[in-house]
Amino acid sequence: MHAPISFVEWIKNIIKQDDNETNKLIMAICNEIWFVRNKICFKGINVPDLVMSLRHAMQAVQQYNNSSELLMQVQNQGCPLPISNVRWTFPPPGWYKLNTDAAGQNEDGTWGLSVIVRDF
């Protein structure tokens, strides 16, 4: 029997295996778990069907792969990026909006993270 390890150590071990498709699916499943947890905690929604959650995670990986392919085409062929209709909106009065972004690991091992909180 293996000694128990933390979730963080488990994730580190998965990433070390360098199987990109598995890593993407594991990260998408973790994101889906967090999303479902927030729906349960903050919106009182019942636990959704496990198969549906897995399907959402798999769709997220497919969307990521499609976006990656598009970016590769842009880099290789100089194709223009499509313009998105999605725009930032102001939060309702009395609310704050938290926007975040992150960048992957640089050559020196550092990561980038930005956070902005706005009420207007």
PDB file of N, CA and C in Angstrom:
ATOM      1  N   MET A   1       0.846  -1.185   0.000  1.00  0.00           N
ATOM      2  CA  MET A   1       0.000   0.000   0.000  1.00  0.00           C
ATOM      3  C   MET A   1       0.885   1.241   0.000  1.00  0.00           C
ATOM      4  N   HIS A   2       0.498   2.234  -0.808  1.00  0.00           N
ATOM      5  CA  HIS A   2       1.271   3.468  -0.903  1.00  0.00           C
ATOM      6  C   HIS A   2       0.942   4.405   0.251  1.00  0.00           C
ATOM      7  N   ALA A   3       1.936   5.194   0.643  1.00  0.00           N
ATOM      8  CA  ALA A   3       1.705   6.212   1.666  1.00  0.00           C
ATOM      9  C   ALA A   3       0.842   7.315   1.063  1.00  0.00           C
ATOM     10  N   PRO A   4      -0.084   7.880   1.842  1.00  0.00           N
ATOM     11  CA  PRO A   4      -0.928   8.949   1.306  1.00  0.00           C
ATOM     12  C   PRO A   4      -0.098  10.189   0.966  1.00  0.00           C
ATOM     13  N   ILE A   5      -0.499  10.868  -0.090  1.00  0.00           N
ATOM     14  CA  ILE A   5       0.161  12.114  -0.477  1.00  0.00           C
ATOM     15  C   ILE A   5      -0.901  13.199  -0.625  1.00  0.00           C
ATOM     16  N   SER A   6      -0.468  14.439  -0.557  1.00  0.00           N
ATOM     17  CA  SER A   6      -1.400  15.555  -0.695  1.00  0.00           C
ATOM     18  C   SER A   6      -1.834  15.691  -2.152  1.00  0.00           C
ATOM     19  N   PHE A   7      -2.907  16.433  -2.356  1.00  0.00           N
ATOM     20  CA  PHE A   7      -3.393  16.698  -3.696  1.00  0.00           C
ATOM     21  C   PHE A   7      -2.328  17.413  -4.522  1.00  0.00           C
ATOM     22  N   VAL A   8      -1.652  18.368  -3.908  1.00  0.00           N
ATOM     23  CA  VAL A   8      -0.607  19.127  -4.609  1.00  0.00           C
ATOM     24  C   VAL A   8       0.516  18.197  -5.053  1.00  0.00           C
ATOM     25  N   GLU A   9       0.940  17.289  -4.185  1.00  0.00           N
ATOM     26  CA  GLU A   9       1.990  16.337  -4.559  1.00  0.00           C
ATOM     27  C   GLU A   9       1.516  15.413  -5.678  1.00  0.00           C
ATOM     28  N   TRP A  10       0.255  15.007  -5.618  1.00  0.00           N
ATOM     29  CA  TRP A  10      -0.304  14.154  -6.663  1.00  0.00           C
ATOM     30  C   TRP A  10      -0.270  14.877  -8.003  1.00  0.00           C
ATOM     31  N   ILE A  11      -0.685  16.139  -8.022  1.00  0.00           N
ATOM     32  CA  ILE A  11      -0.657  16.933  -9.259  1.00  0.00           C
ATOM     33  C   ILE A  11       0.775  17.060  -9.769  1.00  0.00           C
ATOM     34  N   LYS A  12       1.722  17.353  -8.881  1.00  0.00           N
ATOM     35  CA  LYS A  12       3.129  17.469  -9.289  1.00  0.00           C
ATOM     36  C   LYS A  12       3.616  16.177  -9.930  1.00  0.00           C
ATOM     37  N   ASN A  13       3.246  15.050  -9.360  1.00  0.00           N
ATOM     38  CA  ASN A  13       3.654  13.752  -9.919  1.00  0.00           C
ATOM     39  C   ASN A  13       3.041  13.519 -11.296  1.00  0.00           C
ATOM     40  N   ILE A  14       1.791  13.914 -11.471  1.00  0.00           N
ATOM     41  CA  ILE A  14       1.133  13.769 -12.770  1.00  0.00           C
ATOM     42  C   ILE A  14       1.864  14.610 -13.813  1.00  0.00           C
ATOM     43  N   ILE A  15       2.151  15.863 -13.463  1.00  0.00           N
ATOM     44  CA  ILE A  15       2.800  16.781 -14.413  1.00  0.00           C
ATOM     45  C   ILE A  15       4.196  16.290 -14.785  1.00  0.00           C
ATOM     46  N   LYS A  16       4.906  15.706 -13.844  1.00  0.00           N
ATOM     47  CA  LYS A  16       6.262  15.210 -14.113  1.00  0.00           C
ATOM     48  C   LYS A  16       6.273  14.110 -15.175  1.00  0.00           C
ATOM     49  N   GLN A  17       5.157  13.411 -15.338  1.00  0.00           N
ATOM     50  CA  GLN A  17       5.102  12.323 -16.316  1.00  0.00           C
ATOM     51  C   GLN A  17       5.137  12.841 -17.746  1.00  0.00           C
ATOM     52  N   ASP A  18       4.910  14.150 -17.910  1.00  0.00           N
ATOM     53  CA  ASP A  18       5.060  14.822 -19.201  1.00  0.00           C
ATOM     54  C   ASP A  18       4.172  14.233 -20.291  1.00  0.00           C
ATOM     55  N   ASP A  19       2.966  13.814 -19.916  1.00  0.00           N
ATOM     56  CA  ASP A  19       1.966  13.370 -20.885  1.00  0.00           C
ATOM     57  C   ASP A  19       0.992  14.534 -21.048  1.00  0.00           C
ATOM     58  N   ASN A  20       1.193  15.321 -22.075  1.00  0.00           N
ATOM     59  CA  ASN A  20       0.476  16.573 -22.248  1.00  0.00           C
ATOM     60  C   ASN A  20      -1.036  16.386 -22.276  1.00  0.00           C
ATOM     61  N   GLU A  21      -1.534  15.387 -22.990  1.00  0.00           N
ATOM     62  CA  GLU A  21      -2.979  15.176 -23.080  1.00  0.00           C
ATOM     63  C   GLU A  21      -3.569  14.803 -21.716  1.00  0.00           C
ATOM     64  N   THR A  22      -2.874  13.946 -20.974  1.00  0.00           N
ATOM     65  CA  THR A  22      -3.344  13.592 -19.633  1.00  0.00           C
ATOM     66  C   THR A  22      -3.323  14.810 -18.734  1.00  0.00           C
ATOM     67  N   ASN A  23      -2.253  15.599 -18.803  1.00  0.00           N
ATOM     68  CA  ASN A  23      -2.153  16.806 -17.976  1.00  0.00           C
ATOM     69  C   ASN A  23      -3.303  17.759 -18.266  1.00  0.00           C
ATOM     70  N   LYS A  24      -3.619  17.959 -19.540  1.00  0.00           N
ATOM     71  CA  LYS A  24      -4.711  18.862 -19.890  1.00  0.00           C
ATOM     72  C   LYS A  24      -6.035  18.347 -19.335  1.00  0.00           C
ATOM     73  N   LEU A  25      -6.278  17.054 -19.446  1.00  0.00           N
ATOM     74  CA  LEU A  25      -7.534  16.496 -18.952  1.00  0.00           C
ATOM     75  C   LEU A  25      -7.613  16.587 -17.427  1.00  0.00           C
ATOM     76  N   ILE A  26      -6.527  16.289 -16.734  1.00  0.00           N
ATOM     77  CA  ILE A  26      -6.517  16.379 -15.265  1.00  0.00           C
ATOM     78  C   ILE A  26      -6.799  17.817 -14.838  1.00  0.00           C
ATOM     79  N   MET A  27      -6.161  18.797 -15.487  1.00  0.00           N
ATOM     80  CA  MET A  27      -6.386  20.199 -15.128  1.00  0.00           C
ATOM     81  C   MET A  27      -7.826  20.614 -15.433  1.00  0.00           C
ATOM     82  N   ALA A  28      -8.371  20.133 -16.540  1.00  0.00           N
ATOM     83  CA  ALA A  28      -9.760  20.460 -16.878  1.00  0.00           C
ATOM     84  C   ALA A  28     -10.724  19.831 -15.871  1.00  0.00           C
ATOM     85  N   ILE A  29     -10.434  18.624 -15.419  1.00  0.00           N
ATOM     86  CA  ILE A  29     -11.275  17.977 -14.404  1.00  0.00           C
ATOM     87  C   ILE A  29     -11.187  18.749 -13.091  1.00  0.00           C
ATOM     88  N   CYS A  30      -9.990  19.165 -12.707  1.00  0.00           N
ATOM     89  CA  CYS A  30      -9.836  19.965 -11.479  1.00  0.00           C
ATOM     90  C   CYS A  30     -10.639  21.259 -11.586  1.00  0.00           C
ATOM     91  N   ASN A  31     -10.577  21.909 -12.747  1.00  0.00           N
ATOM     92  CA  ASN A  31     -11.336  23.136 -12.953  1.00  0.00           C
ATOM     93  C   ASN A  31     -12.837  22.860 -12.856  1.00  0.00           C
ATOM     94  N   GLU A  32     -13.286  21.765 -13.433  1.00  0.00           N
ATOM     95  CA  GLU A  32     -14.707  21.414 -13.384  1.00  0.00           C
ATOM     96  C   GLU A  32     -15.139  21.116 -11.955  1.00  0.00           C
ATOM     97  N   ILE A  33     -14.294  20.431 -11.180  1.00  0.00           N
ATOM     98  CA  ILE A  33     -14.600  20.166  -9.766  1.00  0.00           C
ATOM     99  C   ILE A  33     -14.768  21.491  -9.021  1.00  0.00           C
ATOM    100  N   TRP A  34     -13.863  22.426  -9.263  1.00  0.00           N
ATOM    101  CA  TRP A  34     -13.930  23.738  -8.599  1.00  0.00           C
ATOM    102  C   TRP A  34     -15.197  24.485  -9.023  1.00  0.00           C
ATOM    103  N   PHE A  35     -15.518  24.435 -10.312  1.00  0.00           N
ATOM    104  CA  PHE A  35     -16.708  25.096 -10.829  1.00  0.00           C
ATOM    105  C   PHE A  35     -17.970  24.518 -10.187  1.00  0.00           C
ATOM    106  N   VAL A  36     -18.057  23.194 -10.117  1.00  0.00           N
ATOM    107  CA  VAL A  36     -19.217  22.531  -9.517  1.00  0.00           C
ATOM    108  C   VAL A  36     -19.295  22.848  -8.027  1.00  0.00           C
ATOM    109  N   ARG A  37     -18.154  22.827  -7.357  1.00  0.00           N
ATOM    110  CA  ARG A  37     -18.112  23.154  -5.933  1.00  0.00           C
ATOM    111  C   ARG A  37     -18.680  24.550  -5.686  1.00  0.00           C
ATOM    112  N   ASN A  38     -18.301  25.513  -6.521  1.00  0.00           N
ATOM    113  CA  ASN A  38     -18.798  26.874  -6.356  1.00  0.00           C
ATOM    114  C   ASN A  38     -20.301  26.961  -6.621  1.00  0.00           C
ATOM    115  N   LYS A  39     -20.788  26.211  -7.589  1.00  0.00           N
ATOM    116  CA  LYS A  39     -22.226  26.197  -7.859  1.00  0.00           C
ATOM    117  C   LYS A  39     -22.990  25.638  -6.661  1.00  0.00           C
ATOM    118  N   ILE A  40     -22.437  24.608  -6.036  1.00  0.00           N
ATOM    119  CA  ILE A  40     -23.080  24.001  -4.876  1.00  0.00           C
ATOM    120  C   ILE A  40     -23.041  24.963  -3.689  1.00  0.00           C
ATOM    121  N   CYS A  41     -21.858  25.533  -3.430  1.00  0.00           N
ATOM    122  CA  CYS A  41     -21.683  26.397  -2.255  1.00  0.00           C
ATOM    123  C   CYS A  41     -22.405  27.732  -2.374  1.00  0.00           C
ATOM    124  N   PHE A  42     -22.364  28.348  -3.549  1.00  0.00           N
ATOM    125  CA  PHE A  42     -22.839  29.723  -3.675  1.00  0.00           C
ATOM    126  C   PHE A  42     -24.184  29.860  -4.368  1.00  0.00           C
ATOM    127  N   LYS A  43     -24.618  28.836  -5.088  1.00  0.00           N
ATOM    128  CA  LYS A  43     -25.899  28.924  -5.778  1.00  0.00           C
ATOM    129  C   LYS A  43     -26.882  27.863  -5.306  1.00  0.00           C
ATOM    130  N   GLY A  44     -26.437  26.978  -4.418  1.00  0.00           N
ATOM    131  CA  GLY A  44     -27.309  25.954  -3.878  1.00  0.00           C
ATOM    132  C   GLY A  44     -27.759  24.915  -4.887  1.00  0.00           C
ATOM    133  N   ILE A  45     -27.006  24.752  -5.957  1.00  0.00           N
ATOM    134  CA  ILE A  45     -27.363  23.793  -6.998  1.00  0.00           C
ATOM    135  C   ILE A  45     -26.932  22.402  -6.563  1.00  0.00           C
ATOM    136  N   ASN A  46     -27.770  21.418  -6.821  1.00  0.00           N
ATOM    137  CA  ASN A  46     -27.448  20.036  -6.474  1.00  0.00           C
ATOM    138  C   ASN A  46     -26.253  19.539  -7.273  1.00  0.00           C
ATOM    139  N   VAL A  47     -25.632  18.503  -6.758  1.00  0.00           N
ATOM    140  CA  VAL A  47     -24.483  17.907  -7.426  1.00  0.00           C
ATOM    141  C   VAL A  47     -24.917  17.390  -8.796  1.00  0.00           C
ATOM    142  N   PRO A  48     -24.243  17.861  -9.857  1.00  0.00           N
ATOM    143  CA  PRO A  48     -24.632  17.406 -11.196  1.00  0.00           C
ATOM    144  C   PRO A  48     -24.160  15.986 -11.466  1.00  0.00           C
ATOM    145  N   ASP A  49     -24.639  15.449 -12.542  1.00  0.00           N
ATOM    146  CA  ASP A  49     -24.263  14.123 -12.992  1.00  0.00           C
ATOM    147  C   ASP A  49     -22.756  14.085 -13.259  1.00  0.00           C
ATOM    148  N   LEU A  50     -22.082  13.073 -12.746  1.00  0.00           N
ATOM    149  CA  LEU A  50     -20.645  12.930 -12.915  1.00  0.00           C
ATOM    150  C   LEU A  50     -20.253  12.847 -14.389  1.00  0.00           C
ATOM    151  N   VAL A  51     -21.057  12.148 -15.170  1.00  0.00           N
ATOM    152  CA  VAL A  51     -20.767  12.009 -16.602  1.00  0.00           C
ATOM    153  C   VAL A  51     -20.807  13.376 -17.278  1.00  0.00           C
ATOM    154  N   MET A  52     -21.767  14.228 -16.891  1.00  0.00           N
ATOM    155  CA  MET A  52     -21.882  15.563 -17.463  1.00  0.00           C
ATOM    156  C   MET A  52     -20.643  16.399 -17.105  1.00  0.00           C
ATOM    157  N   SER A  53     -20.175  16.291 -15.874  1.00  0.00           N
ATOM    158  CA  SER A  53     -18.981  17.032 -15.467  1.00  0.00           C
ATOM    159  C   SER A  53     -17.758  16.574 -16.259  1.00  0.00           C
ATOM    160  N   LEU A  54     -17.629  15.280 -16.447  1.00  0.00           N
ATOM    161  CA  LEU A  54     -16.512  14.763 -17.241  1.00  0.00           C
ATOM    162  C   LEU A  54     -16.625  15.237 -18.688  1.00  0.00           C
ATOM    163  N   ARG A  55     -17.829  15.255 -19.213  1.00  0.00           N
ATOM    164  CA  ARG A  55     -18.048  15.739 -20.585  1.00  0.00           C
ATOM    165  C   ARG A  55     -17.639  17.211 -20.700  1.00  0.00           C
ATOM    166  N   HIS A  56     -17.977  18.030 -19.691  1.00  0.00           N
ATOM    167  CA  HIS A  56     -17.573  19.441 -19.695  1.00  0.00           C
ATOM    168  C   HIS A  56     -16.047  19.569 -19.696  1.00  0.00           C
ATOM    169  N   ALA A  57     -15.389  18.750 -18.893  1.00  0.00           N
ATOM    170  CA  ALA A  57     -13.922  18.793 -18.842  1.00  0.00           C
ATOM    171  C   ALA A  57     -13.321  18.405 -20.192  1.00  0.00           C
ATOM    172  N   MET A  58     -13.881  17.368 -20.814  1.00  0.00           N
ATOM    173  CA  MET A  58     -13.372  16.934 -22.118  1.00  0.00           C
ATOM    174  C   MET A  58     -13.619  17.999 -23.187  1.00  0.00           C
ATOM    175  N   GLN A  59     -14.757  18.680 -23.119  1.00  0.00           N
ATOM    176  CA  GLN A  59     -15.037  19.770 -24.056  1.00  0.00           C
ATOM    177  C   GLN A  59     -14.061  20.917 -23.849  1.00  0.00           C
ATOM    178  N   ALA A  60     -13.700  21.195 -22.601  1.00  0.00           N
ATOM    179  CA  ALA A  60     -12.731  22.261 -22.322  1.00  0.00           C
ATOM    180  C   ALA A  60     -11.379  21.933 -22.946  1.00  0.00           C
ATOM    181  N   VAL A  61     -10.967  20.668 -22.854  1.00  0.00           N
ATOM    182  CA  VAL A  61      -9.701  20.258 -23.477  1.00  0.00           C
ATOM    183  C   VAL A  61      -9.791  20.407 -24.990  1.00  0.00           C
ATOM    184  N   GLN A  62     -10.905  20.019 -25.576  1.00  0.00           N
ATOM    185  CA  GLN A  62     -11.079  20.153 -27.028  1.00  0.00           C
ATOM    186  C   GLN A  62     -11.033  21.620 -27.445  1.00  0.00           C
ATOM    187  N   GLN A  63     -11.694  22.490 -26.686  1.00  0.00           N
ATOM    188  CA  GLN A  63     -11.654  23.925 -26.988  1.00  0.00           C
ATOM    189  C   GLN A  63     -10.234  24.468 -26.865  1.00  0.00           C
ATOM    190  N   TYR A  64      -9.513  24.007 -25.837  1.00  0.00           N
ATOM    191  CA  TYR A  64      -8.116  24.417 -25.677  1.00  0.00           C
ATOM    192  C   TYR A  64      -7.287  23.966 -26.876  1.00  0.00           C
ATOM    193  N   ASN A  65      -7.463  22.715 -27.286  1.00  0.00           N
ATOM    194  CA  ASN A  65      -6.705  22.197 -28.428  1.00  0.00           C
ATOM    195  C   ASN A  65      -7.037  22.970 -29.701  1.00  0.00           C
ATOM    196  N   ASN A  66      -8.317  23.269 -29.904  1.00  0.00           N
ATOM    197  CA  ASN A  66      -8.710  24.047 -31.087  1.00  0.00           C
ATOM    198  C   ASN A  66      -8.089  25.437 -31.063  1.00  0.00           C
ATOM    199  N   SER A  67      -8.103  26.076 -29.900  1.00  0.00           N
ATOM    200  CA  SER A  67      -7.499  27.404 -29.771  1.00  0.00           C
ATOM    201  C   SER A  67      -6.002  27.348 -30.008  1.00  0.00           C
ATOM    202  N   SER A  68      -5.364  26.304 -29.496  1.00  0.00           N
ATOM    203  CA  SER A  68      -3.918  26.147 -29.693  1.00  0.00           C
ATOM    204  C   SER A  68      -3.586  25.979 -31.167  1.00  0.00           C
ATOM    205  N   GLU A  69      -4.410  25.193 -31.865  1.00  0.00           N
ATOM    206  CA  GLU A  69      -4.194  25.007 -33.306  1.00  0.00           C
ATOM    207  C   GLU A  69      -4.339  26.331 -34.043  1.00  0.00           C
ATOM    208  N   LEU A  70      -5.339  27.127 -33.677  1.00  0.00           N
ATOM    209  CA  LEU A  70      -5.545  28.429 -34.310  1.00  0.00           C
ATOM    210  C   LEU A  70      -4.352  29.341 -34.058  1.00  0.00           C
ATOM    211  N   LEU A  71      -3.861  29.356 -32.830  1.00  0.00           N
ATOM    212  CA  LEU A  71      -2.702  30.192 -32.519  1.00  0.00           C
ATOM    213  C   LEU A  71      -1.463  29.752 -33.286  1.00  0.00           C
ATOM    214  N   MET A  72      -1.298  28.444 -33.458  1.00  0.00           N
ATOM    215  CA  MET A  72      -0.164  27.948 -34.243  1.00  0.00           C
ATOM    216  C   MET A  72      -0.284  28.409 -35.699  1.00  0.00           C
ATOM    217  N   GLN A  73      -1.489  28.380 -36.249  1.00  0.00           N
ATOM    218  CA  GLN A  73      -1.691  28.864 -37.616  1.00  0.00           C
ATOM    219  C   GLN A  73      -1.351  30.342 -37.722  1.00  0.00           C
ATOM    220  N   VAL A  74      -1.770  31.106 -36.726  1.00  0.00           N
ATOM    221  CA  VAL A  74      -1.479  32.541 -36.725  1.00  0.00           C
ATOM    222  C   VAL A  74       0.027  32.768 -36.690  1.00  0.00           C
ATOM    223  N   GLN A  75       0.714  32.048 -35.823  1.00  0.00           N
ATOM    224  CA  GLN A  75       2.164  32.209 -35.712  1.00  0.00           C
ATOM    225  C   GLN A  75       2.878  31.778 -36.980  1.00  0.00           C
ATOM    226  N   ASN A  76       2.426  30.681 -37.580  1.00  0.00           N
ATOM    227  CA  ASN A  76       3.114  30.133 -38.745  1.00  0.00           C
ATOM    228  C   ASN A  76       2.750  30.828 -40.047  1.00  0.00           C
ATOM    229  N   GLN A  77       1.506  31.286 -40.162  1.00  0.00           N
ATOM    230  CA  GLN A  77       1.047  31.828 -41.433  1.00  0.00           C
ATOM    231  C   GLN A  77       0.684  33.300 -41.370  1.00  0.00           C
ATOM    232  N   GLY A  78       0.714  33.883 -40.206  1.00  0.00           N
ATOM    233  CA  GLY A  78       0.357  35.278 -40.074  1.00  0.00           C
ATOM    234  C   GLY A  78      -1.119  35.544 -40.273  1.00  0.00           C
ATOM    235  N   CYS A  79      -1.979  34.530 -40.024  1.00  0.00           N
ATOM    236  CA  CYS A  79      -3.427  34.705 -40.161  1.00  0.00           C
ATOM    237  C   CYS A  79      -3.916  35.681 -39.096  1.00  0.00           C
ATOM    238  N   PRO A  80      -4.887  36.523 -39.427  1.00  0.00           N
ATOM    239  CA  PRO A  80      -5.445  37.410 -38.399  1.00  0.00           C
ATOM    240  C   PRO A  80      -6.290  36.617 -37.403  1.00  0.00           C
ATOM    241  N   LEU A  81      -6.233  37.010 -36.146  1.00  0.00           N
ATOM    242  CA  LEU A  81      -7.061  36.376 -35.126  1.00  0.00           C
ATOM    243  C   LEU A  81      -8.500  36.845 -35.272  1.00  0.00           C
ATOM    244  N   PRO A  82      -9.459  35.952 -35.018  1.00  0.00           N
ATOM    245  CA  PRO A  82     -10.858  36.383 -35.066  1.00  0.00           C
ATOM    246  C   PRO A  82     -11.141  37.382 -33.944  1.00  0.00           C
ATOM    247  N   ILE A  83     -12.033  38.301 -34.181  1.00  0.00           N
ATOM    248  CA  ILE A  83     -12.409  39.290 -33.181  1.00  0.00           C
ATOM    249  C   ILE A  83     -13.561  38.729 -32.367  1.00  0.00           C
ATOM    250  N   SER A  84     -13.430  38.806 -31.053  1.00  0.00           N
ATOM    251  CA  SER A  84     -14.448  38.267 -30.154  1.00  0.00           C
ATOM    252  C   SER A  84     -15.480  39.338 -29.825  1.00  0.00           C
ATOM    253  N   ASN A  85     -16.724  38.914 -29.675  1.00  0.00           N
ATOM    254  CA  ASN A  85     -17.781  39.820 -29.241  1.00  0.00           C
ATOM    255  C   ASN A  85     -17.883  39.892 -27.729  1.00  0.00           C
ATOM    256  N   VAL A  86     -17.076  39.104 -27.022  1.00  0.00           N
ATOM    257  CA  VAL A  86     -17.109  39.087 -25.569  1.00  0.00           C
ATOM    258  C   VAL A  86     -16.381  40.325 -25.053  1.00  0.00           C
ATOM    259  N   ARG A  87     -17.032  41.064 -24.198  1.00  0.00           N
ATOM    260  CA  ARG A  87     -16.463  42.288 -23.641  1.00  0.00           C
ATOM    261  C   ARG A  87     -16.648  42.296 -22.130  1.00  0.00           C
ATOM    262  N   TRP A  88     -15.767  43.019 -21.444  1.00  0.00           N
ATOM    263  CA  TRP A  88     -15.868  43.179 -20.003  1.00  0.00           C
ATOM    264  C   TRP A  88     -17.089  44.019 -19.693  1.00  0.00           C
ATOM    265  N   THR A  89     -17.819  43.659 -18.646  1.00  0.00           N
ATOM    266  CA  THR A  89     -18.971  44.445 -18.224  1.00  0.00           C
ATOM    267  C   THR A  89     -18.786  44.890 -16.785  1.00  0.00           C
ATOM    268  N   PHE A  90     -19.377  46.010 -16.461  1.00  0.00           N
ATOM    269  CA  PHE A  90     -19.307  46.527 -15.102  1.00  0.00           C
ATOM    270  C   PHE A  90     -20.073  45.616 -14.151  1.00  0.00           C
ATOM    271  N   PRO A  91     -19.611  45.501 -12.890  1.00  0.00           N
ATOM    272  CA  PRO A  91     -20.387  44.713 -11.918  1.00  0.00           C
ATOM    273  C   PRO A  91     -21.629  45.498 -11.501  1.00  0.00           C
ATOM    274  N   PRO A  92     -22.630  44.811 -10.968  1.00  0.00           N
ATOM    275  CA  PRO A  92     -23.816  45.522 -10.468  1.00  0.00           C
ATOM    276  C   PRO A  92     -23.431  46.448  -9.317  1.00  0.00           C
ATOM    277  N   PRO A  93     -24.211  47.482  -9.075  1.00  0.00           N
ATOM    278  CA  PRO A  93     -23.915  48.394  -7.949  1.00  0.00           C
ATOM    279  C   PRO A  93     -23.785  47.625  -6.637  1.00  0.00           C
ATOM    280  N   GLY A  94     -22.771  47.982  -5.855  1.00  0.00           N
ATOM    281  CA  GLY A  94     -22.540  47.326  -4.569  1.00  0.00           C
ATOM    282  C   GLY A  94     -21.742  46.043  -4.659  1.00  0.00           C
ATOM    283  N   TRP A  95     -21.329  45.657  -5.867  1.00  0.00           N
ATOM    284  CA  TRP A  95     -20.558  44.437  -6.076  1.00  0.00           C
ATOM    285  C   TRP A  95     -19.164  44.797  -6.567  1.00  0.00           C
ATOM    286  N   TYR A  96     -18.238  43.861  -6.396  1.00  0.00           N
ATOM    287  CA  TYR A  96     -16.894  43.988  -6.940  1.00  0.00           C
ATOM    288  C   TYR A  96     -16.703  42.900  -7.986  1.00  0.00           C
ATOM    289  N   LYS A  97     -15.881  43.186  -8.954  1.00  0.00           N
ATOM    290  CA  LYS A  97     -15.564  42.185  -9.971  1.00  0.00           C
ATOM    291  C   LYS A  97     -14.068  41.891  -9.877  1.00  0.00           C
ATOM    292  N   LEU A  98     -13.739  40.613  -9.799  1.00  0.00           N
ATOM    293  CA  LEU A  98     -12.355  40.158  -9.715  1.00  0.00           C
ATOM    294  C   LEU A  98     -11.994  39.506 -11.036  1.00  0.00           C
ATOM    295  N   ASN A  99     -11.012  40.068 -11.731  1.00  0.00           N
ATOM    296  CA  ASN A  99     -10.511  39.484 -12.969  1.00  0.00           C
ATOM    297  C   ASN A  99      -9.085  39.012 -12.733  1.00  0.00           C
ATOM    298  N   THR A 100      -8.773  37.835 -13.257  1.00  0.00           N
ATOM    299  CA  THR A 100      -7.434  37.271 -13.076  1.00  0.00           C
ATOM    300  C   THR A 100      -6.890  36.798 -14.418  1.00  0.00           C
ATOM    301  N   ASP A 101      -5.571  36.687 -14.471  1.00  0.00           N
ATOM    302  CA  ASP A 101      -4.902  36.115 -15.628  1.00  0.00           C
ATOM    303  C   ASP A 101      -3.600  35.509 -15.132  1.00  0.00           C
ATOM    304  N   ALA A 102      -3.124  34.510 -15.821  1.00  0.00           N
ATOM    305  CA  ALA A 102      -1.876  33.868 -15.430  1.00  0.00           C
ATOM    306  C   ALA A 102      -1.086  33.499 -16.672  1.00  0.00           C
ATOM    307  N   ALA A 103       0.220  33.463 -16.521  1.00  0.00           N
ATOM    308  CA  ALA A 103       1.107  33.069 -17.610  1.00  0.00           C
ATOM    309  C   ALA A 103       1.923  31.877 -17.161  1.00  0.00           C
ATOM    310  N   GLY A 104       2.199  30.968 -18.098  1.00  0.00           N
ATOM    311  CA  GLY A 104       2.944  29.750 -17.794  1.00  0.00           C
ATOM    312  C   GLY A 104       4.378  30.006 -17.393  1.00  0.00           C
ATOM    313  N   GLN A 105       5.020  28.940 -17.042  1.00  0.00           N
ATOM    314  CA  GLN A 105       6.374  28.991 -16.511  1.00  0.00           C
ATOM    315  C   GLN A 105       7.366  29.528 -17.548  1.00  0.00           C
ATOM    316  N   ASN A 106       8.169  30.495 -17.120  1.00  0.00           N
ATOM    317  CA  ASN A 106       9.235  31.050 -17.958  1.00  0.00           C
ATOM    318  C   ASN A 106      10.484  30.178 -17.873  1.00  0.00           C
ATOM    319  N   GLU A 107      11.486  30.515 -18.685  1.00  0.00           N
ATOM    320  CA  GLU A 107      12.738  29.748 -18.662  1.00  0.00           C
ATOM    321  C   GLU A 107      13.393  29.746 -17.292  1.00  0.00           C
ATOM    322  N   ASP A 108      13.207  30.841 -16.533  1.00  0.00           N
ATOM    323  CA  ASP A 108      13.836  30.928 -15.213  1.00  0.00           C
ATOM    324  C   ASP A 108      12.996  30.297 -14.105  1.00  0.00           C
ATOM    325  N   GLY A 109      11.881  29.657 -14.486  1.00  0.00           N
ATOM    326  CA  GLY A 109      11.058  28.964 -13.506  1.00  0.00           C
ATOM    327  C   GLY A 109       9.985  29.820 -12.866  1.00  0.00           C
ATOM    328  N   THR A 110       9.895  31.091 -13.235  1.00  0.00           N
ATOM    329  CA  THR A 110       8.878  31.951 -12.640  1.00  0.00           C
ATOM    330  C   THR A 110       7.568  31.867 -13.417  1.00  0.00           C
ATOM    331  N   TRP A 111       6.504  32.253 -12.750  1.00  0.00           N
ATOM    332  CA  TRP A 111       5.173  32.301 -13.342  1.00  0.00           C
ATOM    333  C   TRP A 111       4.678  33.738 -13.262  1.00  0.00           C
ATOM    334  N   GLY A 112       3.698  34.076 -14.037  1.00  0.00           N
ATOM    335  CA  GLY A 112       3.101  35.411 -13.971  1.00  0.00           C
ATOM    336  C   GLY A 112       1.665  35.315 -13.535  1.00  0.00           C
ATOM    337  N   LEU A 113       1.231  36.276 -12.739  1.00  0.00           N
ATOM    338  CA  LEU A 113      -0.143  36.315 -12.263  1.00  0.00           C
ATOM    339  C   LEU A 113      -0.558  37.775 -12.147  1.00  0.00           C
ATOM    340  N   SER A 114      -1.744  38.083 -12.638  1.00  0.00           N
ATOM    341  CA  SER A 114      -2.275  39.435 -12.451  1.00  0.00           C
ATOM    342  C   SER A 114      -3.693  39.339 -11.918  1.00  0.00           C
ATOM    343  N   VAL A 115      -4.033  40.291 -11.078  1.00  0.00           N
ATOM    344  CA  VAL A 115      -5.337  40.337 -10.472  1.00  0.00           C
ATOM    345  C   VAL A 115      -5.783  41.794 -10.433  1.00  0.00           C
ATOM    346  N   ILE A 116      -7.042  42.025 -10.769  1.00  0.00           N
ATOM    347  CA  ILE A 116      -7.609  43.372 -10.643  1.00  0.00           C
ATOM    348  C   ILE A 116      -9.003  43.249 -10.053  1.00  0.00           C
ATOM    349  N   VAL A 117      -9.305  44.137  -9.098  1.00  0.00           N
ATOM    350  CA  VAL A 117     -10.620  44.178  -8.466  1.00  0.00           C
ATOM    351  C   VAL A 117     -11.207  45.547  -8.768  1.00  0.00           C
ATOM    352  N   ARG A 118     -12.432  45.543  -9.311  1.00  0.00           N
ATOM    353  CA  ARG A 118     -13.074  46.815  -9.666  1.00  0.00           C
ATOM    354  C   ARG A 118     -14.505  46.841  -9.149  1.00  0.00           C
ATOM    355  N   ASP A 119     -14.954  48.052  -8.807  1.00  0.00           N
ATOM    356  CA  ASP A 119     -16.352  48.238  -8.432  1.00  0.00           C
ATOM    357  C   ASP A 119     -17.027  49.261  -9.322  1.00  0.00           C
ATOM    358  N   PHE A 120     -16.391  49.614 -10.430  1.00  0.00           N
ATOM    359  CA  PHE A 120     -16.973  50.571 -11.380  1.00  0.00           C
ATOM    360  C   PHE A 120     -16.660  50.152 -12.784  1.00  0.00           C
TER     361      PHE A 120
END
